[in-house]
C-alpha cells in the first residue's frame, strides 16, 4: 500500500472517530445547549470527515474506472461508495435537529461535491454497462434503478444553490452580463454544465432500457427520503426529464457559453429522439 493510500486511511479513521464522538455527545443530551464553540467544533469535525470520505472514495472510484468496472461485485462497491458519500448528510440532519445553525454546518460546496461524485460515479457505471458488450450484464430493472439514483443525485446537486438563494431571498448583483446570465440559469462551474449532460443522457438510457415495458423502478423518492425533494422527480418520466435537462444544456452552450467549445450535435440527436417519444 502506498504512503498516500495509508495517509488516506489514517485521515479517514481519525475523521470518522471525530464525527462519532461529536454525534455521541449530541445524542447523550438532546437538551444540550450548543455554544458557538461547540458548533464550530462540530463544523470542523464534519468538514474533516467529509473531506476524508471524498479522498478515500476517490481512490476506490479510480480503481473501478481504470478497470472499466470489470471487477468482482462492482455493483456492490458502487453502492457502498454512494452510501459512504451520503453519510455527511445524515450527520448534518442530526445536528440540524438540535440547533438552528445545524443546516449550515455542511457547506454548499461540500454538498455539491458529494452529490456530484455520487451522480458522476453512477453515470460512469451506467456508461460502462451500456458499452460492455455483455461483460457487465445486469437485469434491466437493476440498470433502471442505477440510472434513477444517478439522475436524482445530479438534480439534487443542480438545485442546491437555487434552493439556498430562494430561502435567503438573495438578489443577484453582477457587473458581467455573461456571468450574470450563467448564474441565473444555475451554472456556477463546468461541473454544473456536465451535470445537465450526464443526467440528461442517463434519462435517454433510462428510456432505452424501459422500452421492454419494465418502466420506472420508483427508487428516487425512497432514496432521497423526501417526497417533495424535487417536483421534476415526483413522477419519473425519463423523456420529459431528459428533454428538460438537455434543452437547458443546449440553451446554455448556445447562449453564454457559445464560443467555449461545448458539443451540441450528440445532445441535439438525443433531444430529437426523446421528443418523438412524448
Protein backbone atom coordinates (compact mmCIF):
# COMPACT_ATOMS: atom_id res chain seq x y z
CA UNK A 1 0.00 0.00 0.00
CA UNK A 2 1.40 3.40 -0.96
CA UNK A 3 2.08 6.16 1.56
CA UNK A 4 -0.71 8.26 0.04
CA UNK A 5 -3.20 5.45 0.49
CA UNK A 6 -2.03 4.88 4.06
CA UNK A 7 -2.43 8.59 4.75
CA UNK A 8 -5.95 8.50 3.32
CA UNK A 9 -6.90 5.56 5.52
CA UNK A 10 -5.39 7.24 8.59
CA UNK A 11 -7.18 10.52 7.91
CA UNK A 12 -10.45 8.70 7.28
CA UNK A 13 -10.16 6.74 10.52
CA UNK A 14 -9.39 9.87 12.57
CA UNK A 15 -12.20 11.84 10.94
CA UNK A 16 -14.78 9.10 11.47
CA UNK A 17 -13.74 8.93 15.13
CA UNK A 18 -14.14 12.71 15.47
CA UNK A 19 -17.63 12.66 13.99
CA UNK A 20 -18.68 9.63 16.01
CA UNK A 21 -17.60 11.37 19.21
CA UNK A 22 -19.45 14.51 18.18
CA UNK A 23 -22.61 12.57 17.37
CA UNK A 24 -22.43 10.68 20.68
CA UNK A 25 -22.07 13.95 22.54
CA UNK A 26 -25.23 15.28 20.94
CA UNK A 27 -27.09 12.02 21.34
CA UNK A 28 -26.29 11.76 25.05
CA UNK A 29 -28.05 15.01 25.87
CA UNK A 30 -30.80 16.10 23.50
CA UNK A 31 -31.27 19.26 25.57
CA UNK A 32 -27.59 20.18 25.33
CA UNK A 33 -27.13 23.92 24.75
CA UNK A 34 -24.83 24.27 21.76
CA UNK A 35 -22.49 27.20 22.20
CA UNK A 36 -20.73 28.79 19.23
CA UNK A 37 -17.59 26.95 20.26
CA UNK A 38 -19.38 23.60 20.24
CA UNK A 39 -20.95 24.29 16.85
CA UNK A 40 -17.56 25.27 15.47
CA UNK A 41 -16.11 22.01 16.76
CA UNK A 42 -18.91 20.06 15.08
CA UNK A 43 -18.29 22.03 11.89
CA UNK A 44 -14.58 21.20 11.93
CA UNK A 45 -15.23 17.52 12.63
CA UNK A 46 -17.81 17.17 9.86
CA UNK A 47 -15.66 19.06 7.35
CA UNK A 48 -12.64 16.87 8.12
CA UNK A 49 -14.76 13.73 7.94
CA UNK A 50 -16.34 14.76 4.62
CA UNK A 51 -13.01 15.62 3.01
CA UNK A 52 -11.56 12.32 4.15
CA UNK A 53 -14.52 10.46 2.63
CA UNK A 54 -14.09 12.33 -0.65
CA UNK A 55 -10.38 11.46 -0.76
CA UNK A 56 -10.77 7.82 0.16
CA UNK A 57 -13.75 7.09 -2.09
CA UNK A 58 -11.98 8.84 -4.99
CA UNK A 59 -9.17 6.31 -4.66
CA UNK A 60 -11.69 3.46 -4.81
CA UNK A 61 -13.51 5.06 -7.75
CA UNK A 62 -10.27 5.33 -9.71
CA UNK A 63 -9.69 1.59 -9.31
CA UNK A 64 -13.17 0.88 -10.69
CA UNK A 65 -12.81 3.27 -13.62
CA UNK A 66 -9.30 2.07 -14.51
CA UNK A 67 -10.66 -1.48 -14.72
CA UNK A 68 -13.83 -0.31 -16.53
CA UNK A 69 -15.87 -1.66 -13.61
CA UNK A 70 -14.91 -5.21 -14.60
CA UNK A 71 -14.21 -6.27 -11.02
CA UNK A 72 -15.96 -8.68 -8.69
CA UNK A 73 -19.04 -7.16 -7.06
CA UNK A 74 -18.72 -3.87 -8.97
CA UNK A 75 -22.35 -3.05 -8.27
CA UNK A 76 -21.89 -3.58 -4.52
CA UNK A 77 -18.75 -1.45 -4.49
CA UNK A 78 -20.53 1.39 -6.31
CA UNK A 79 -23.43 1.16 -3.87
CA UNK A 80 -21.02 1.18 -0.93
CA UNK A 81 -19.28 4.32 -2.22
CA UNK A 82 -22.53 6.24 -2.71
CA UNK A 83 -23.72 5.14 0.73
CA UNK A 84 -20.50 6.45 2.28
CA UNK A 85 -20.80 9.76 0.45
CA UNK A 86 -24.32 10.23 1.81
CA UNK A 87 -23.24 9.85 5.44
CA UNK A 88 -22.27 13.54 5.91
CA UNK A 89 -25.88 14.47 5.08
CA UNK A 90 -27.05 12.13 7.87
CA UNK A 91 -24.65 13.73 10.35
CA UNK A 92 -25.91 17.15 9.31
CA UNK A 93 -29.51 16.03 9.79
CA UNK A 94 -28.73 15.08 13.39
CA UNK A 95 -27.13 18.45 14.06
CA UNK A 96 -29.96 20.31 12.31
CA UNK A 97 -32.48 18.73 14.65
CA UNK A 98 -30.56 20.07 17.64
CA UNK A 99 -29.57 23.59 16.71
CA UNK A 100 -30.60 26.28 14.25
CA UNK A 101 -27.07 26.52 12.86
CA UNK A 102 -27.02 22.83 12.03
CA UNK A 103 -28.29 23.37 8.48
CA UNK A 104 -25.22 25.48 7.67
CA UNK A 105 -22.59 23.20 9.17
CA UNK A 106 -22.01 21.38 5.88
CA UNK A 107 -21.07 23.97 3.26
CA UNK A 108 -22.93 24.15 -0.03
CA UNK A 109 -19.66 23.45 -1.87
CA UNK A 110 -19.23 20.24 0.10
CA UNK A 111 -22.84 19.22 -0.55
CA UNK A 112 -22.45 19.83 -4.28
CA UNK A 113 -19.23 17.85 -4.36
CA UNK A 114 -20.78 14.88 -2.54
CA UNK A 115 -23.84 14.79 -4.82
CA UNK A 116 -21.76 15.32 -7.96
CA UNK A 117 -19.42 12.48 -7.05
CA UNK A 118 -22.36 10.12 -6.49
CA UNK A 119 -24.09 11.12 -9.72
CA UNK A 120 -20.93 11.05 -11.82
CA UNK A 121 -19.95 7.62 -10.47
CA UNK A 122 -23.36 6.20 -11.34
CA UNK A 123 -23.12 7.82 -14.78
CA UNK A 124 -19.73 6.17 -15.40
CA UNK A 125 -21.04 2.83 -14.14
CA UNK A 126 -24.10 3.08 -16.40
CA UNK A 127 -21.88 4.05 -19.34
CA UNK A 128 -19.65 1.03 -18.68
CA UNK A 129 -22.69 -1.28 -18.55
CA UNK A 130 -24.02 0.12 -21.83
CA UNK A 131 -20.69 -0.35 -23.62
CA UNK A 132 -19.58 -3.61 -22.00
CA UNK A 133 -21.00 -5.89 -24.73
CA UNK A 134 -22.33 -8.29 -22.13
CA UNK A 135 -19.29 -8.29 -19.83
CA UNK A 136 -21.26 -6.26 -17.28
CA UNK A 137 -24.59 -7.99 -17.51
CA UNK A 138 -27.32 -6.75 -15.18
CA UNK A 139 -31.12 -7.15 -15.34
CA UNK A 140 -32.89 -4.17 -16.89
CA UNK A 141 -34.70 -3.45 -13.63
CA UNK A 142 -31.35 -3.09 -11.86
CA UNK A 143 -29.97 -0.82 -14.59
CA UNK A 144 -33.04 1.38 -14.28
CA UNK A 145 -32.51 1.63 -10.52
CA UNK A 146 -28.91 2.72 -11.04
CA UNK A 147 -29.94 5.32 -13.62
CA UNK A 148 -32.72 6.79 -11.48
CA UNK A 149 -30.40 7.12 -8.50
CA UNK A 150 -27.77 8.83 -10.65
CA UNK A 151 -30.29 11.27 -12.11
CA UNK A 152 -31.62 12.03 -8.64
CA UNK A 153 -28.16 12.85 -7.25
CA UNK A 154 -27.36 15.21 -10.12
CA UNK A 155 -30.70 17.04 -9.99
CA UNK A 156 -30.32 17.48 -6.24
CA UNK A 157 -26.89 18.96 -6.90
CA UNK A 158 -28.22 21.35 -9.55
CA UNK A 159 -30.97 22.55 -7.20
CA UNK A 160 -28.81 23.23 -4.14
CA UNK A 161 -27.92 26.84 -4.86
CA UNK A 162 -31.37 27.59 -6.27
CA UNK A 163 -32.95 26.43 -3.01
CA UNK A 164 -30.37 28.32 -0.95
CA UNK A 165 -30.93 31.62 -2.75
CA UNK A 166 -34.70 31.18 -2.63
CA UNK A 167 -34.65 30.62 1.12
CA UNK A 168 -32.27 33.52 1.76
CA UNK A 169 -34.04 35.90 -0.61
CA UNK A 170 -30.75 36.87 -2.25
CA UNK A 171 -30.69 39.21 -5.20
CA UNK A 172 -28.14 38.78 -7.96
CA UNK A 173 -25.59 41.58 -8.23
CA UNK A 174 -23.10 41.06 -11.05
CA UNK A 175 -21.44 43.52 -13.42
CA UNK A 176 -20.53 40.90 -16.05
CA UNK A 177 -23.51 40.13 -18.30
CA UNK A 178 -22.35 36.63 -19.30
CA UNK A 179 -21.62 35.61 -15.72
CA UNK A 180 -24.96 37.02 -14.58
CA UNK A 181 -26.80 35.00 -17.23
CA UNK A 182 -25.00 31.80 -16.25
CA UNK A 183 -25.79 32.30 -12.58
CA UNK A 184 -29.44 32.99 -13.38
CA UNK A 185 -29.52 29.63 -15.14
CA UNK A 186 -27.89 27.89 -12.17
CA UNK A 187 -24.46 27.48 -13.77
CA UNK A 188 -21.62 28.18 -11.36
CA UNK A 189 -18.95 25.94 -12.89
CA UNK A 190 -18.24 23.49 -15.70
CA UNK A 191 -19.45 20.78 -13.33
CA UNK A 192 -22.95 22.24 -13.40
CA UNK A 193 -22.91 22.11 -17.20
CA UNK A 194 -21.72 18.49 -17.15
CA UNK A 195 -24.40 17.59 -14.61
CA UNK A 196 -27.08 18.60 -17.14
CA UNK A 197 -25.44 16.41 -19.80
CA UNK A 198 -24.85 13.39 -17.56
CA UNK A 199 -28.35 13.44 -16.06
CA UNK A 200 -29.96 14.06 -19.46
CA UNK A 201 -28.01 11.26 -21.10
CA UNK A 202 -28.95 8.89 -18.27
CA UNK A 203 -32.58 9.83 -18.91
CA UNK A 204 -32.10 8.75 -22.51
CA UNK A 205 -30.58 5.46 -21.39
CA UNK A 206 -33.47 5.03 -18.94
CA UNK A 207 -35.95 5.42 -21.79
CA UNK A 208 -33.92 2.96 -23.88
CA UNK A 209 -33.88 0.26 -21.15
CA UNK A 210 -37.56 0.92 -20.37
CA UNK A 211 -38.68 0.01 -23.88
CA UNK A 212 -39.28 -3.60 -22.80
CA UNK A 213 -42.03 -2.39 -20.50
CA UNK A 214 -40.21 -2.51 -17.18
CA UNK A 215 -40.84 1.18 -16.54
CA UNK A 216 -39.73 3.22 -13.57
CA UNK A 217 -38.34 1.49 -10.50
CA UNK A 218 -39.73 4.10 -8.10
CA UNK A 219 -36.44 4.36 -6.21
CA UNK A 220 -35.99 8.11 -6.35
CA UNK A 221 -38.45 9.10 -3.66
CA UNK A 222 -37.39 6.37 -1.26
CA UNK A 223 -33.71 7.07 -1.89
CA UNK A 224 -33.95 10.77 -1.13
CA UNK A 225 -36.35 10.27 1.75
CA UNK A 226 -38.31 13.35 0.76
CA UNK A 227 -41.43 13.20 -1.38
CA UNK A 228 -41.07 16.90 -2.20
CA UNK A 229 -37.32 16.83 -2.84
CA UNK A 230 -37.90 18.00 -6.37
CA UNK A 231 -41.09 18.47 -8.36
CA UNK A 232 -39.43 17.16 -11.51
CA UNK A 233 -38.90 13.79 -9.83
CA UNK A 234 -42.33 13.44 -8.23
CA UNK A 235 -43.37 11.22 -11.14
CA UNK A 236 -40.42 9.83 -13.02
CA UNK A 237 -40.69 10.34 -16.75
CA UNK A 238 -37.37 9.81 -18.47
CA UNK A 239 -38.38 11.53 -21.72
CA UNK A 240 -39.76 14.66 -20.07
CA UNK A 241 -36.95 14.98 -17.52
CA UNK A 242 -34.29 14.25 -20.13
CA UNK A 243 -35.68 16.87 -22.51
CA UNK A 244 -35.76 19.45 -19.73
CA UNK A 245 -32.14 18.81 -18.77
CA UNK A 246 -30.72 18.54 -22.30
CA UNK A 247 -32.70 21.55 -23.57
CA UNK A 248 -31.30 23.57 -20.69
CA UNK A 249 -27.81 22.41 -21.65
CA UNK A 250 -28.34 23.50 -25.26
CA UNK A 251 -29.68 26.86 -24.10
CA UNK A 252 -26.55 27.39 -22.05
CA UNK A 253 -23.95 26.28 -24.59
CA UNK A 254 -25.69 28.05 -27.48
CA UNK A 255 -26.01 31.18 -25.35
CA UNK A 256 -23.49 32.43 -22.80
CA UNK A 257 -21.07 29.54 -23.48
CA UNK A 258 -21.44 29.62 -27.27
CA UNK A 259 -17.73 30.04 -28.01
CA UNK A 260 -16.40 27.75 -25.29
CA UNK A 261 -16.27 24.54 -27.33
CA UNK A 262 -19.13 22.57 -25.80
CA UNK A 263 -20.53 19.87 -28.11
CA UNK A 264 -24.16 20.11 -29.22
CA UNK A 265 -24.55 17.59 -32.07
CA UNK A 266 -24.96 14.48 -29.91
CA UNK A 267 -27.28 16.25 -27.48
CA UNK A 268 -29.47 17.56 -30.31
CA UNK A 269 -29.84 13.99 -31.59
CA UNK A 270 -30.84 12.74 -28.14
CA UNK A 271 -33.34 15.58 -27.77
CA UNK A 272 -34.92 14.72 -31.11
CA UNK A 273 -35.27 11.06 -30.11
CA UNK A 274 -36.81 11.89 -26.74
CA UNK A 275 -39.12 14.48 -28.28
CA UNK A 276 -40.51 11.85 -30.64
CA UNK A 277 -41.36 9.62 -27.67
CA UNK A 278 -43.52 12.16 -25.80
